[in-house]
């Protein structure tokens, strides 16, 4: 959990992902299309990926947990949470507050 918290606070937007996951690709694409440059941790390519995945599973309460998004060091959640914020018009203000977007 400590490693996840440390990684999640390194940048304004952090995405924990799996390189072969279509929902992960969708979330990463959304942030890139919004002009955000997130830190992306591909758990299947990280030697500590399984440990991080277990910690995320405990935090999110589902398995597999990915994608998991943190904004401003705070847990936003998986795809459904991110899309809900975006469709509700709350994602961009959250990104601006975290310093991930300027316009």
PDB file of N, CA and C in Angstrom:
ATOM      1  N   UNK A   1       0.816  -1.202   0.000  1.00  0.00           N
ATOM      2  CA  UNK A   1       0.000   0.000   0.000  1.00  0.00           C
ATOM      3  C   UNK A   1       0.853   1.256   0.000  1.00  0.00           C
ATOM      4  N   UNK A   2       1.971   1.216   0.726  1.00  0.00           N
ATOM      5  CA  UNK A   2       2.844   2.385   0.777  1.00  0.00           C
ATOM      6  C   UNK A   2       3.418   2.699  -0.595  1.00  0.00           C
ATOM      7  N   UNK A   3       3.795   1.657  -1.328  1.00  0.00           N
ATOM      8  CA  UNK A   3       4.351   1.880  -2.664  1.00  0.00           C
ATOM      9  C   UNK A   3       3.302   2.479  -3.586  1.00  0.00           C
ATOM     10  N   UNK A   4       2.080   1.985  -3.516  1.00  0.00           N
ATOM     11  CA  UNK A   4       0.994   2.524  -4.336  1.00  0.00           C
ATOM     12  C   UNK A   4       0.782   4.000  -3.992  1.00  0.00           C
ATOM     13  N   UNK A   5       0.739   4.330  -2.719  1.00  0.00           N
ATOM     14  CA  UNK A   5       0.548   5.724  -2.299  1.00  0.00           C
ATOM     15  C   UNK A   5       1.681   6.609  -2.798  1.00  0.00           C
ATOM     16  N   UNK A   6       2.899   6.109  -2.722  1.00  0.00           N
ATOM     17  CA  UNK A   6       4.062   6.871  -3.191  1.00  0.00           C
ATOM     18  C   UNK A   6       3.978   7.104  -4.693  1.00  0.00           C
ATOM     19  N   UNK A   7       3.710   6.048  -5.459  1.00  0.00           N
ATOM     20  CA  UNK A   7       3.599   6.178  -6.907  1.00  0.00           C
ATOM     21  C   UNK A   7       2.435   7.090  -7.294  1.00  0.00           C
ATOM     22  N   UNK A   8       1.321   6.973  -6.578  1.00  0.00           N
ATOM     23  CA  UNK A   8       0.121   7.754  -6.890  1.00  0.00           C
ATOM     24  C   UNK A   8       0.316   9.240  -6.654  1.00  0.00           C
ATOM     25  N   UNK A   9       1.255   9.601  -5.808  1.00  0.00           N
ATOM     26  CA  UNK A   9       1.476  11.017  -5.520  1.00  0.00           C
ATOM     27  C   UNK A   9       2.648  11.612  -6.306  1.00  0.00           C
ATOM     28  N   UNK A  10       3.273  10.818  -7.166  1.00  0.00           N
ATOM     29  CA  UNK A  10       4.417  11.302  -7.945  1.00  0.00           C
ATOM     30  C   UNK A  10       4.044  12.319  -9.027  1.00  0.00           C
ATOM     31  N   UNK A  11       2.856  12.186  -9.608  1.00  0.00           N
ATOM     32  CA  UNK A  11       2.421  13.070 -10.685  1.00  0.00           C
ATOM     33  C   UNK A  11       0.977  13.478 -10.463  1.00  0.00           C
ATOM     34  N   UNK A  12       0.521  14.464 -11.222  1.00  0.00           N
ATOM     35  CA  UNK A  12      -0.856  14.949 -11.077  1.00  0.00           C
ATOM     36  C   UNK A  12      -1.872  13.859 -11.414  1.00  0.00           C
ATOM     37  N   UNK A  13      -1.571  13.042 -12.433  1.00  0.00           N
ATOM     38  CA  UNK A  13      -2.452  11.940 -12.806  1.00  0.00           C
ATOM     39  C   UNK A  13      -1.613  10.677 -12.920  1.00  0.00           C
ATOM     40  N   UNK A  14      -2.054   9.631 -12.249  1.00  0.00           N
ATOM     41  CA  UNK A  14      -1.373   8.335 -12.286  1.00  0.00           C
ATOM     42  C   UNK A  14      -2.404   7.276 -12.634  1.00  0.00           C
ATOM     43  N   UNK A  15      -2.034   6.434 -13.602  1.00  0.00           N
ATOM     44  CA  UNK A  15      -2.909   5.340 -14.022  1.00  0.00           C
ATOM     45  C   UNK A  15      -2.160   4.025 -13.845  1.00  0.00           C
ATOM     46  N   UNK A  16      -2.772   3.117 -13.107  1.00  0.00           N
ATOM     47  CA  UNK A  16      -2.255   1.756 -13.002  1.00  0.00           C
ATOM     48  C   UNK A  16      -3.035   0.936 -14.016  1.00  0.00           C
ATOM     49  N   UNK A  17      -2.313   0.209 -14.853  1.00  0.00           N
ATOM     50  CA  UNK A  17      -2.897  -0.401 -16.024  1.00  0.00           C
ATOM     51  C   UNK A  17      -2.297  -1.772 -16.297  1.00  0.00           C
ATOM     52  N   UNK A  18      -2.880  -2.471 -17.250  1.00  0.00           N
ATOM     53  CA  UNK A  18      -2.316  -3.687 -17.840  1.00  0.00           C
ATOM     54  C   UNK A  18      -2.241  -3.406 -19.344  1.00  0.00           C
ATOM     55  N   UNK A  19      -1.130  -3.714 -19.935  1.00  0.00           N
ATOM     56  CA  UNK A  19      -0.916  -3.348 -21.338  1.00  0.00           C
ATOM     57  C   UNK A  19      -1.900  -4.007 -22.301  1.00  0.00           C
ATOM     58  N   UNK A  20      -2.474  -5.147 -21.940  1.00  0.00           N
ATOM     59  CA  UNK A  20      -3.387  -5.855 -22.840  1.00  0.00           C
ATOM     60  C   UNK A  20      -4.867  -5.611 -22.537  1.00  0.00           C
ATOM     61  N   UNK A  21      -5.163  -4.725 -21.605  1.00  0.00           N
ATOM     62  CA  UNK A  21      -6.542  -4.481 -21.162  1.00  0.00           C
ATOM     63  C   UNK A  21      -7.199  -3.382 -22.005  1.00  0.00           C
ATOM     64  N   UNK A  22      -8.340  -3.708 -22.623  1.00  0.00           N
ATOM     65  CA  UNK A  22      -9.016  -2.729 -23.477  1.00  0.00           C
ATOM     66  C   UNK A  22      -9.588  -1.555 -22.674  1.00  0.00           C
ATOM     67  N   UNK A  23     -10.067  -1.801 -21.455  1.00  0.00           N
ATOM     68  CA  UNK A  23     -10.592  -0.709 -20.642  1.00  0.00           C
ATOM     69  C   UNK A  23      -9.464   0.218 -20.191  1.00  0.00           C
ATOM     70  N   UNK A  24      -8.301  -0.360 -19.921  1.00  0.00           N
ATOM     71  CA  UNK A  24      -7.129   0.453 -19.580  1.00  0.00           C
ATOM     72  C   UNK A  24      -6.765   1.352 -20.745  1.00  0.00           C
ATOM     73  N   UNK A  25      -6.797   0.789 -21.941  1.00  0.00           N
ATOM     74  CA  UNK A  25      -6.484   1.572 -23.146  1.00  0.00           C
ATOM     75  C   UNK A  25      -7.470   2.733 -23.294  1.00  0.00           C
ATOM     76  N   UNK A  26      -8.725   2.468 -23.042  1.00  0.00           N
ATOM     77  CA  UNK A  26      -9.763   3.496 -23.153  1.00  0.00           C
ATOM     78  C   UNK A  26      -9.514   4.648 -22.181  1.00  0.00           C
ATOM     79  N   UNK A  27      -9.192   4.326 -20.952  1.00  0.00           N
ATOM     80  CA  UNK A  27      -8.945   5.361 -19.942  1.00  0.00           C
ATOM     81  C   UNK A  27      -7.681   6.149 -20.279  1.00  0.00           C
ATOM     82  N   UNK A  28      -6.624   5.465 -20.680  1.00  0.00           N
ATOM     83  CA  UNK A  28      -5.384   6.160 -21.053  1.00  0.00           C
ATOM     84  C   UNK A  28      -5.632   7.079 -22.240  1.00  0.00           C
ATOM     85  N   UNK A  29      -6.409   6.611 -23.211  1.00  0.00           N
ATOM     86  CA  UNK A  29      -6.731   7.408 -24.401  1.00  0.00           C
ATOM     87  C   UNK A  29      -7.529   8.654 -24.021  1.00  0.00           C
ATOM     88  N   UNK A  30      -8.486   8.507 -23.104  1.00  0.00           N
ATOM     89  CA  UNK A  30      -9.289   9.647 -22.654  1.00  0.00           C
ATOM     90  C   UNK A  30      -8.387  10.748 -22.106  1.00  0.00           C
ATOM     91  N   UNK A  31      -7.477  10.384 -21.201  1.00  0.00           N
ATOM     92  CA  UNK A  31      -6.612  11.392 -20.606  1.00  0.00           C
ATOM     93  C   UNK A  31      -5.690  12.030 -21.640  1.00  0.00           C
ATOM     94  N   UNK A  32      -5.164  11.233 -22.546  1.00  0.00           N
ATOM     95  CA  UNK A  32      -4.298  11.789 -23.592  1.00  0.00           C
ATOM     96  C   UNK A  32      -5.088  12.724 -24.511  1.00  0.00           C
ATOM     97  N   UNK A  33      -6.328  12.340 -24.854  1.00  0.00           N
ATOM     98  CA  UNK A  33      -7.172  13.197 -25.692  1.00  0.00           C
ATOM     99  C   UNK A  33      -7.519  14.509 -24.997  1.00  0.00           C
ATOM    100  N   UNK A  34      -7.550  14.496 -23.673  1.00  0.00           N
ATOM    101  CA  UNK A  34      -7.819  15.725 -22.915  1.00  0.00           C
ATOM    102  C   UNK A  34      -6.567  16.592 -22.765  1.00  0.00           C
ATOM    103  N   UNK A  35      -5.428  16.086 -23.249  1.00  0.00           N
ATOM    104  CA  UNK A  35      -4.182  16.844 -23.164  1.00  0.00           C
ATOM    105  C   UNK A  35      -3.416  16.613 -21.876  1.00  0.00           C
ATOM    106  N   UNK A  36      -3.775  15.565 -21.144  1.00  0.00           N
ATOM    107  CA  UNK A  36      -3.120  15.240 -19.881  1.00  0.00           C
ATOM    108  C   UNK A  36      -1.993  14.245 -20.168  1.00  0.00           C
ATOM    109  N   UNK A  37      -0.896  14.406 -19.473  1.00  0.00           N
ATOM    110  CA  UNK A  37       0.232  13.490 -19.618  1.00  0.00           C
ATOM    111  C   UNK A  37       0.368  12.679 -18.319  1.00  0.00           C
ATOM    112  N   UNK A  38      -0.400  11.587 -18.210  1.00  0.00           N
ATOM    113  CA  UNK A  38      -0.387  10.828 -16.954  1.00  0.00           C
ATOM    114  C   UNK A  38       0.862   9.953 -16.822  1.00  0.00           C
ATOM    115  N   UNK A  39       1.209   9.641 -15.601  1.00  0.00           N
ATOM    116  CA  UNK A  39       2.201   8.590 -15.346  1.00  0.00           C
ATOM    117  C   UNK A  39       1.422   7.286 -15.447  1.00  0.00           C
ATOM    118  N   UNK A  40       1.926   6.367 -16.253  1.00  0.00           N
ATOM    119  CA  UNK A  40       1.238   5.098 -16.470  1.00  0.00           C
ATOM    120  C   UNK A  40       2.136   3.971 -15.996  1.00  0.00           C
ATOM    121  N   UNK A  41       1.602   3.148 -15.122  1.00  0.00           N
ATOM    122  CA  UNK A  41       2.332   1.985 -14.621  1.00  0.00           C
ATOM    123  C   UNK A  41       1.647   0.732 -15.149  1.00  0.00           C
ATOM    124  N   UNK A  42       2.309   0.066 -16.076  1.00  0.00           N
ATOM    125  CA  UNK A  42       1.790  -1.172 -16.652  1.00  0.00           C
ATOM    126  C   UNK A  42       2.187  -2.311 -15.714  1.00  0.00           C
ATOM    127  N   UNK A  43       1.237  -2.822 -14.968  1.00  0.00           N
ATOM    128  CA  UNK A  43       1.522  -3.807 -13.937  1.00  0.00           C
ATOM    129  C   UNK A  43       2.066  -5.114 -14.495  1.00  0.00           C
ATOM    130  N   UNK A  44       1.673  -5.468 -15.719  1.00  0.00           N
ATOM    131  CA  UNK A  44       2.173  -6.708 -16.313  1.00  0.00           C
ATOM    132  C   UNK A  44       3.604  -6.570 -16.832  1.00  0.00           C
ATOM    133  N   UNK A  45       4.136  -5.360 -16.805  1.00  0.00           N
ATOM    134  CA  UNK A  45       5.508  -5.123 -17.245  1.00  0.00           C
ATOM    135  C   UNK A  45       6.421  -4.718 -16.091  1.00  0.00           C
ATOM    136  N   UNK A  46       5.867  -4.631 -14.900  1.00  0.00           N
ATOM    137  CA  UNK A  46       6.610  -4.207 -13.715  1.00  0.00           C
ATOM    138  C   UNK A  46       6.946  -5.429 -12.859  1.00  0.00           C
ATOM    139  N   UNK A  47       8.204  -5.573 -12.442  1.00  0.00           N
ATOM    140  CA  UNK A  47       8.564  -6.710 -11.592  1.00  0.00           C
ATOM    141  C   UNK A  47       7.763  -6.766 -10.284  1.00  0.00           C
ATOM    142  N   UNK A  48       7.319  -5.634  -9.790  1.00  0.00           N
ATOM    143  CA  UNK A  48       6.506  -5.583  -8.562  1.00  0.00           C
ATOM    144  C   UNK A  48       5.013  -5.512  -8.869  1.00  0.00           C
ATOM    145  N   UNK A  49       4.664  -5.741 -10.118  1.00  0.00           N
ATOM    146  CA  UNK A  49       3.285  -5.570 -10.567  1.00  0.00           C
ATOM    147  C   UNK A  49       2.261  -6.384  -9.803  1.00  0.00           C
ATOM    148  N   UNK A  50       2.591  -7.618  -9.476  1.00  0.00           N
ATOM    149  CA  UNK A  50       1.638  -8.476  -8.744  1.00  0.00           C
ATOM    150  C   UNK A  50       1.362  -7.928  -7.337  1.00  0.00           C
ATOM    151  N   UNK A  51       2.403  -7.422  -6.684  1.00  0.00           N
ATOM    152  CA  UNK A  51       2.215  -6.834  -5.350  1.00  0.00           C
ATOM    153  C   UNK A  51       1.361  -5.577  -5.430  1.00  0.00           C
ATOM    154  N   UNK A  52       1.631  -4.748  -6.422  1.00  0.00           N
ATOM    155  CA  UNK A  52       0.845  -3.523  -6.614  1.00  0.00           C
ATOM    156  C   UNK A  52      -0.600  -3.884  -6.930  1.00  0.00           C
ATOM    157  N   UNK A  53      -0.789  -4.894  -7.780  1.00  0.00           N
ATOM    158  CA  UNK A  53      -2.139  -5.323  -8.134  1.00  0.00           C
ATOM    159  C   UNK A  53      -2.915  -5.801  -6.898  1.00  0.00           C
ATOM    160  N   UNK A  54      -2.259  -6.543  -6.012  1.00  0.00           N
ATOM    161  CA  UNK A  54      -2.920  -6.995  -4.778  1.00  0.00           C
ATOM    162  C   UNK A  54      -3.315  -5.800  -3.903  1.00  0.00           C
ATOM    163  N   UNK A  55      -2.436  -4.818  -3.807  1.00  0.00           N
ATOM    164  CA  UNK A  55      -2.745  -3.627  -3.009  1.00  0.00           C
ATOM    165  C   UNK A  55      -3.921  -2.860  -3.623  1.00  0.00           C
ATOM    166  N   UNK A  56      -3.929  -2.735  -4.932  1.00  0.00           N
ATOM    167  CA  UNK A  56      -5.033  -2.038  -5.610  1.00  0.00           C
ATOM    168  C   UNK A  56      -6.342  -2.805  -5.445  1.00  0.00           C
ATOM    169  N   UNK A  57      -6.270  -4.127  -5.479  1.00  0.00           N
ATOM    170  CA  UNK A  57      -7.464  -4.953  -5.288  1.00  0.00           C
ATOM    171  C   UNK A  57      -8.066  -4.684  -3.914  1.00  0.00           C
ATOM    172  N   UNK A  58      -7.215  -4.565  -2.894  1.00  0.00           N
ATOM    173  CA  UNK A  58      -7.705  -4.252  -1.543  1.00  0.00           C
ATOM    174  C   UNK A  58      -8.323  -2.851  -1.505  1.00  0.00           C
ATOM    175  N   UNK A  59      -7.723  -1.902  -2.213  1.00  0.00           N
ATOM    176  CA  UNK A  59      -8.228  -0.525  -2.202  1.00  0.00           C
ATOM    177  C   UNK A  59      -9.555  -0.400  -2.943  1.00  0.00           C
ATOM    178  N   UNK A  60      -9.648  -1.044  -4.093  1.00  0.00           N
ATOM    179  CA  UNK A  60     -10.816  -0.911  -4.968  1.00  0.00           C
ATOM    180  C   UNK A  60     -11.926  -1.884  -4.581  1.00  0.00           C
ATOM    181  N   UNK A  61     -11.525  -3.062  -4.101  1.00  0.00           N
ATOM    182  CA  UNK A  61     -12.512  -4.064  -3.732  1.00  0.00           C
ATOM    183  C   UNK A  61     -12.979  -4.918  -4.887  1.00  0.00           C
ATOM    184  N   UNK A  62     -12.184  -4.986  -5.939  1.00  0.00           N
ATOM    185  CA  UNK A  62     -12.532  -5.869  -7.055  1.00  0.00           C
ATOM    186  C   UNK A  62     -11.265  -6.382  -7.707  1.00  0.00           C
ATOM    187  N   UNK A  63     -11.400  -7.502  -8.379  1.00  0.00           N
ATOM    188  CA  UNK A  63     -10.258  -8.114  -9.042  1.00  0.00           C
ATOM    189  C   UNK A  63     -10.668  -8.518 -10.447  1.00  0.00           C
ATOM    190  N   UNK A  64      -9.997  -8.127 -11.488  1.00  0.00           N
ATOM    191  CA  UNK A  64      -8.796  -7.288 -11.465  1.00  0.00           C
ATOM    192  C   UNK A  64      -9.170  -5.833 -11.208  1.00  0.00           C
ATOM    193  N   UNK A  65      -8.284  -5.115 -10.576  1.00  0.00           N
ATOM    194  CA  UNK A  65      -8.595  -3.737 -10.197  1.00  0.00           C
ATOM    195  C   UNK A  65      -8.388  -2.715 -11.309  1.00  0.00           C
ATOM    196  N   UNK A  66      -7.624  -3.048 -12.327  1.00  0.00           N
ATOM    197  CA  UNK A  66      -7.211  -2.069 -13.326  1.00  0.00           C
ATOM    198  C   UNK A  66      -8.291  -1.803 -14.355  1.00  0.00           C
ATOM    199  N   UNK A  67      -8.308  -0.619 -14.913  1.00  0.00           N
ATOM    200  CA  UNK A  67      -7.435   0.505 -14.607  1.00  0.00           C
ATOM    201  C   UNK A  67      -7.846   1.188 -13.300  1.00  0.00           C
ATOM    202  N   UNK A  68      -6.860   1.747 -12.645  1.00  0.00           N
ATOM    203  CA  UNK A  68      -7.104   2.528 -11.435  1.00  0.00           C
ATOM    204  C   UNK A  68      -6.450   3.890 -11.642  1.00  0.00           C
ATOM    205  N   UNK A  69      -7.214   4.949 -11.409  1.00  0.00           N
ATOM    206  CA  UNK A  69      -6.743   6.309 -11.652  1.00  0.00           C
ATOM    207  C   UNK A  69      -6.656   7.075 -10.337  1.00  0.00           C
ATOM    208  N   UNK A  70      -5.550   7.785 -10.184  1.00  0.00           N
ATOM    209  CA  UNK A  70      -5.354   8.713  -9.074  1.00  0.00           C
ATOM    210  C   UNK A  70      -5.162  10.095  -9.675  1.00  0.00           C
ATOM    211  N   UNK A  71      -5.820  11.085  -9.115  1.00  0.00           N
ATOM    212  CA  UNK A  71      -5.660  12.474  -9.557  1.00  0.00           C
ATOM    213  C   UNK A  71      -5.307  13.296  -8.331  1.00  0.00           C
ATOM    214  N   UNK A  72      -4.196  14.011  -8.435  1.00  0.00           N
ATOM    215  CA  UNK A  72      -3.732  14.806  -7.298  1.00  0.00           C
ATOM    216  C   UNK A  72      -3.418  13.948  -6.088  1.00  0.00           C
ATOM    217  N   UNK A  73      -2.987  12.712  -6.320  1.00  0.00           N
ATOM    218  CA  UNK A  73      -2.644  11.809  -5.232  1.00  0.00           C
ATOM    219  C   UNK A  73      -3.835  11.127  -4.580  1.00  0.00           C
ATOM    220  N   UNK A  74      -5.038  11.452  -5.033  1.00  0.00           N
ATOM    221  CA  UNK A  74      -6.256  10.880  -4.450  1.00  0.00           C
ATOM    222  C   UNK A  74      -6.863   9.848  -5.388  1.00  0.00           C
ATOM    223  N   UNK A  75      -7.343   8.780  -4.816  1.00  0.00           N
ATOM    224  CA  UNK A  75      -7.963   7.711  -5.584  1.00  0.00           C
ATOM    225  C   UNK A  75      -9.260   8.200  -6.222  1.00  0.00           C
ATOM    226  N   UNK A  76      -9.328   8.092  -7.542  1.00  0.00           N
ATOM    227  CA  UNK A  76     -10.565   8.382  -8.267  1.00  0.00           C
ATOM    228  C   UNK A  76     -11.312   7.075  -8.486  1.00  0.00           C
ATOM    229  N   UNK A  77     -10.572   6.044  -8.903  1.00  0.00           N
ATOM    230  CA  UNK A  77     -11.180   4.734  -9.069  1.00  0.00           C
ATOM    231  C   UNK A  77     -10.973   4.152 -10.440  1.00  0.00           C
ATOM    232  N   UNK A  78     -11.774   3.130 -10.749  1.00  0.00           N
ATOM    233  CA  UNK A  78     -11.663   2.451 -12.035  1.00  0.00           C
ATOM    234  C   UNK A  78     -12.444   3.182 -13.133  1.00  0.00           C
ATOM    235  N   UNK A  79     -12.582   2.533 -14.262  1.00  0.00           N
ATOM    236  CA  UNK A  79     -13.187   3.120 -15.460  1.00  0.00           C
ATOM    237  C   UNK A  79     -14.546   3.759 -15.197  1.00  0.00           C
ATOM    238  N   UNK A  80     -15.434   3.064 -14.509  1.00  0.00           N
ATOM    239  CA  UNK A  80     -16.780   3.598 -14.316  1.00  0.00           C
ATOM    240  C   UNK A  80     -16.778   4.908 -13.533  1.00  0.00           C
ATOM    241  N   UNK A  81     -15.889   5.029 -12.559  1.00  0.00           N
ATOM    242  CA  UNK A  81     -15.798   6.270 -11.779  1.00  0.00           C
ATOM    243  C   UNK A  81     -15.273   7.414 -12.654  1.00  0.00           C
ATOM    244  N   UNK A  82     -14.243   7.110 -13.439  1.00  0.00           N
ATOM    245  CA  UNK A  82     -13.640   8.124 -14.316  1.00  0.00           C
ATOM    246  C   UNK A  82     -14.658   8.604 -15.343  1.00  0.00           C
ATOM    247  N   UNK A  83     -15.346   7.672 -15.976  1.00  0.00           N
ATOM    248  CA  UNK A  83     -16.327   8.033 -17.012  1.00  0.00           C
ATOM    249  C   UNK A  83     -17.503   8.788 -16.409  1.00  0.00           C
ATOM    250  N   UNK A  84     -17.914   8.405 -15.221  1.00  0.00           N
ATOM    251  CA  UNK A  84     -19.003   9.113 -14.548  1.00  0.00           C
ATOM    252  C   UNK A  84     -18.617  10.563 -14.283  1.00  0.00           C
ATOM    253  N   UNK A  85     -17.399  10.772 -13.794  1.00  0.00           N
ATOM    254  CA  UNK A  85     -16.919  12.143 -13.573  1.00  0.00           C
ATOM    255  C   UNK A  85     -16.861  12.920 -14.884  1.00  0.00           C
ATOM    256  N   UNK A  86     -16.364  12.267 -15.920  1.00  0.00           N
ATOM    257  CA  UNK A  86     -16.224  12.951 -17.209  1.00  0.00           C
ATOM    258  C   UNK A  86     -17.587  13.328 -17.785  1.00  0.00           C
ATOM    259  N   UNK A  87     -18.520  12.386 -17.795  1.00  0.00           N
ATOM    260  CA  UNK A  87     -19.847  12.656 -18.344  1.00  0.00           C
ATOM    261  C   UNK A  87     -20.616  13.676 -17.508  1.00  0.00           C
ATOM    262  N   UNK A  88     -20.301  13.747 -16.217  1.00  0.00           N
ATOM    263  CA  UNK A  88     -20.948  14.715 -15.331  1.00  0.00           C
ATOM    264  C   UNK A  88     -20.282  16.082 -15.332  1.00  0.00           C
ATOM    265  N   UNK A  89     -19.245  16.241 -16.148  1.00  0.00           N
ATOM    266  CA  UNK A  89     -18.561  17.533 -16.238  1.00  0.00           C
ATOM    267  C   UNK A  89     -17.648  17.842 -15.063  1.00  0.00           C
ATOM    268  N   UNK A  90     -17.297  16.830 -14.281  1.00  0.00           N
ATOM    269  CA  UNK A  90     -16.481  17.066 -13.087  1.00  0.00           C
ATOM    270  C   UNK A  90     -15.021  16.653 -13.250  1.00  0.00           C
ATOM    271  N   UNK A  91     -14.695  15.923 -14.312  1.00  0.00           N
ATOM    272  CA  UNK A  91     -13.327  15.440 -14.480  1.00  0.00           C
ATOM    273  C   UNK A  91     -12.366  16.576 -14.822  1.00  0.00           C
ATOM    274  N   UNK A  92     -12.732  17.416 -15.757  1.00  0.00           N
ATOM    275  CA  UNK A  92     -11.831  18.503 -16.177  1.00  0.00           C
ATOM    276  C   UNK A  92     -11.541  19.472 -15.034  1.00  0.00           C
ATOM    277  N   UNK A  93     -12.535  19.911 -14.256  1.00  0.00           N
ATOM    278  CA  UNK A  93     -12.197  20.764 -13.100  1.00  0.00           C
ATOM    279  C   UNK A  93     -11.270  20.065 -12.102  1.00  0.00           C
ATOM    280  N   UNK A  94     -11.464  18.774 -11.909  1.00  0.00           N
ATOM    281  CA  UNK A  94     -10.604  18.009 -11.016  1.00  0.00           C
ATOM    282  C   UNK A  94      -9.177  17.978 -11.556  1.00  0.00           C
ATOM    283  N   UNK A  95      -9.039  17.800 -12.849  1.00  0.00           N
ATOM    284  CA  UNK A  95      -7.710  17.802 -13.495  1.00  0.00           C
ATOM    285  C   UNK A  95      -7.051  19.181 -13.390  1.00  0.00           C
ATOM    286  N   UNK A  96      -7.830  20.224 -13.573  1.00  0.00           N
ATOM    287  CA  UNK A  96      -7.292  21.583 -13.455  1.00  0.00           C
ATOM    288  C   UNK A  96      -6.834  21.871 -12.029  1.00  0.00           C
ATOM    289  N   UNK A  97      -7.628  21.459 -11.050  1.00  0.00           N
ATOM    290  CA  UNK A  97      -7.264  21.661  -9.648  1.00  0.00           C
ATOM    291  C   UNK A  97      -5.978  20.930  -9.276  1.00  0.00           C
ATOM    292  N   UNK A  98      -5.748  19.783  -9.908  1.00  0.00           N
ATOM    293  CA  UNK A  98      -4.558  18.982  -9.620  1.00  0.00           C
ATOM    294  C   UNK A  98      -3.330  19.469 -10.387  1.00  0.00           C
ATOM    295  N   UNK A  99      -3.540  20.431 -11.307  1.00  0.00           N
ATOM    296  CA  UNK A  99      -2.434  20.939 -12.096  1.00  0.00           C
ATOM    297  C   UNK A  99      -2.093  20.088 -13.303  1.00  0.00           C
ATOM    298  N   UNK A 100      -3.015  19.217 -13.711  1.00  0.00           N
ATOM    299  CA  UNK A 100      -2.783  18.355 -14.860  1.00  0.00           C
ATOM    300  C   UNK A 100      -3.202  19.025 -16.160  1.00  0.00           C
ATOM    301  N   UNK A 101      -4.030  20.071 -16.051  1.00  0.00           N
ATOM    302  CA  UNK A 101      -4.500  20.838 -17.219  1.00  0.00           C
ATOM    303  C   UNK A 101      -4.424  22.318 -16.878  1.00  0.00           C
ATOM    304  N   UNK A 102      -4.155  23.114 -17.892  1.00  0.00           N
ATOM    305  CA  UNK A 102      -4.052  24.557 -17.664  1.00  0.00           C
ATOM    306  C   UNK A 102      -5.117  25.337 -18.400  1.00  0.00           C
ATOM    307  N   UNK A 103      -5.686  24.786 -19.434  1.00  0.00           N
ATOM    308  CA  UNK A 103      -6.678  25.517 -20.226  1.00  0.00           C
ATOM    309  C   UNK A 103      -8.083  25.118 -19.877  1.00  0.00           C
TER     310      UNK A 103
END
